[in-house]
Amino acid sequence: MKKIYIIGLCAIAAGIFILITALKDVSTYVTFSDALEGKKVTVTGVLSKDKEIVYNPEIDENLLTFFMKDNDGTERKVNYIGAKPQDFEMSESIVVTGKMLGETFVTEDMLLKCPSKYKGEEELVNAQNNG
């Protein structure tokens, strides 16, 4: 067999391996109730602002603990492995990807949707146009 064929077959095998690995990481949005323990899932919801947010960088700068309500209203404790994001308390919604461990959701991947800095200006313009 020629070397070019062997190299081609190796390249195809590597491509298939990369594709299969990438497909494993694709997850759908679920609620905390649907999340199975140990299975990686993505949950979207809002910060429970009435509950305590714990972040002590002196003790562990890579641990943020907070409570989050999913879209069904189910509330769970979330342990985020990472530094506390700036303006965390002002977030409108949170998307976390991780695993349920008991009653706690553990994640290293968190996206925040923060309020637009132009929102106040929009409301002012609308008020002026309507009034």
Protein backbone atom coordinates (compact mmCIF):
# COMPACT_ATOMS: atom_id res chain seq x y z
CA MET A 1 0.00 0.00 0.00
CA LYS A 2 1.32 3.44 -0.87
CA LYS A 3 2.24 5.92 1.83
CA ILE A 4 -0.27 8.46 0.54
CA TYR A 5 -3.14 6.01 1.10
CA ILE A 6 -2.00 5.30 4.66
CA ILE A 7 -1.74 9.02 5.41
CA GLY A 8 -5.20 9.59 3.89
CA LEU A 9 -6.78 6.83 5.97
CA CYS A 10 -5.14 8.22 9.13
CA ALA A 11 -6.49 11.71 8.33
CA ILE A 12 -10.01 10.36 7.81
CA ALA A 13 -9.84 8.37 11.07
CA ALA A 14 -8.63 11.47 12.94
CA GLY A 15 -11.47 13.52 11.46
CA ILE A 16 -14.08 10.97 12.53
CA PHE A 17 -12.60 10.87 16.05
CA ILE A 18 -12.73 14.68 16.34
CA LEU A 19 -16.33 14.76 15.09
CA ILE A 20 -17.48 12.12 17.57
CA THR A 21 -15.71 13.92 20.43
CA ALA A 22 -17.31 17.25 19.48
CA LEU A 23 -20.79 15.72 19.32
CA LYS A 24 -20.46 14.38 22.86
CA ASP A 25 -20.14 17.92 24.22
CA VAL A 26 -23.32 19.17 22.53
CA SER A 27 -26.02 19.54 25.14
CA THR A 28 -29.60 20.74 25.14
CA TYR A 29 -31.26 23.08 27.61
CA VAL A 30 -32.97 21.26 30.46
CA THR A 31 -34.40 22.16 33.84
CA PHE A 32 -32.91 21.17 37.18
CA SER A 33 -35.69 18.58 37.53
CA ASP A 34 -34.66 16.95 34.24
CA ALA A 35 -30.93 16.98 34.98
CA LEU A 36 -29.66 13.50 35.79
CA GLU A 37 -26.89 13.16 38.34
CA GLY A 38 -23.48 12.99 36.71
CA LYS A 39 -24.70 13.85 33.19
CA LYS A 40 -23.44 17.10 31.64
CA VAL A 41 -26.36 19.42 30.84
CA THR A 42 -27.08 23.10 30.22
CA VAL A 43 -29.59 24.94 32.41
CA THR A 44 -30.85 28.49 31.94
CA GLY A 45 -32.50 30.59 34.62
CA VAL A 46 -32.19 33.59 36.89
CA LEU A 47 -30.25 34.40 40.03
CA SER A 48 -32.22 34.00 43.27
CA LYS A 49 -31.43 37.44 44.65
CA ASP A 50 -33.14 36.74 47.97
CA LYS A 51 -30.63 33.97 48.76
CA GLU A 52 -27.03 34.31 49.92
CA ILE A 53 -24.20 34.59 47.39
CA VAL A 54 -20.95 33.20 48.83
CA TYR A 55 -17.60 34.23 47.37
CA ASN A 56 -14.55 34.36 49.65
CA PRO A 57 -11.42 34.97 47.52
CA GLU A 58 -9.28 34.80 50.68
CA ILE A 59 -10.37 31.18 51.25
CA ASP A 60 -10.93 29.98 47.66
CA GLU A 61 -10.79 32.45 44.79
CA ASN A 62 -12.20 29.85 42.39
CA LEU A 63 -15.48 29.03 44.14
CA LEU A 64 -18.71 31.00 43.84
CA THR A 65 -21.84 29.58 45.45
CA PHE A 66 -25.30 30.95 44.70
CA PHE A 67 -28.90 29.87 44.18
CA MET A 68 -30.55 29.88 40.78
CA LYS A 69 -34.14 29.35 39.57
CA ASP A 70 -34.57 27.56 36.25
CA ASN A 71 -37.32 28.36 33.73
CA ASP A 72 -39.76 26.07 35.60
CA GLY A 73 -39.13 27.88 38.90
CA THR A 74 -37.11 25.05 40.46
CA GLU A 75 -34.40 26.49 42.68
CA ARG A 76 -31.02 24.80 43.22
CA LYS A 77 -27.70 25.65 44.80
CA VAL A 78 -24.99 26.19 42.17
CA ASN A 79 -21.24 25.86 42.75
CA TYR A 80 -19.34 27.73 40.05
CA ILE A 81 -15.67 26.75 39.81
CA GLY A 82 -14.11 30.05 38.80
CA ALA A 83 -13.76 33.67 39.84
CA LYS A 84 -16.89 35.72 40.45
CA PRO A 85 -17.82 37.59 37.24
CA GLN A 86 -18.07 41.36 37.34
CA ASP A 87 -21.65 42.66 37.79
CA PHE A 88 -22.82 39.12 38.66
CA GLU A 89 -25.69 40.38 40.83
CA MET A 90 -27.02 42.56 37.99
CA SER A 91 -27.43 39.67 35.53
CA GLU A 92 -30.84 39.26 33.88
CA SER A 93 -30.32 35.57 33.15
CA ILE A 94 -27.70 32.88 33.67
CA VAL A 95 -26.76 29.88 31.53
CA VAL A 96 -24.73 27.17 33.28
CA THR A 97 -23.30 23.95 31.84
CA GLY A 98 -22.34 21.28 34.32
CA LYS A 99 -23.55 18.32 36.35
CA MET A 100 -25.89 17.64 39.25
CA LEU A 101 -24.14 16.22 42.29
CA GLY A 102 -26.83 15.41 44.82
CA GLU A 103 -28.96 18.56 45.21
CA THR A 104 -26.15 20.88 44.01
CA PHE A 105 -25.36 21.83 40.41
CA VAL A 106 -21.59 22.07 39.78
CA THR A 107 -20.33 24.06 36.80
CA GLU A 108 -17.15 25.49 35.32
CA ASP A 109 -18.98 27.18 32.44
CA MET A 110 -21.30 30.12 33.04
CA LEU A 111 -22.69 32.79 30.71
CA LEU A 112 -24.43 35.91 31.98
CA LYS A 113 -26.91 38.12 30.19
CA CYS A 114 -26.52 41.54 31.71
CA PRO A 115 -28.83 44.52 31.27
CA SER A 116 -28.03 46.73 28.32
CA LYS A 117 -26.20 49.92 29.14
CA TYR A 118 -28.54 51.60 26.65
CA LYS A 119 -31.74 50.41 28.34
CA GLY A 120 -32.09 53.57 30.42
CA GLU A 121 -31.56 55.73 27.35
CA GLU A 122 -34.22 53.78 25.43
CA GLU A 123 -36.76 54.31 28.21
CA LEU A 124 -35.95 58.04 28.31
CA VAL A 125 -36.37 58.40 24.53
CA ASN A 126 -39.66 56.44 24.62
CA ALA A 127 -40.97 58.60 27.46
CA GLN A 128 -40.08 61.80 25.58
CA ASN A 129 -41.74 60.55 22.38
CA ASN A 130 -44.90 59.45 24.19
CA GLY A 131 -45.18 62.44 26.49
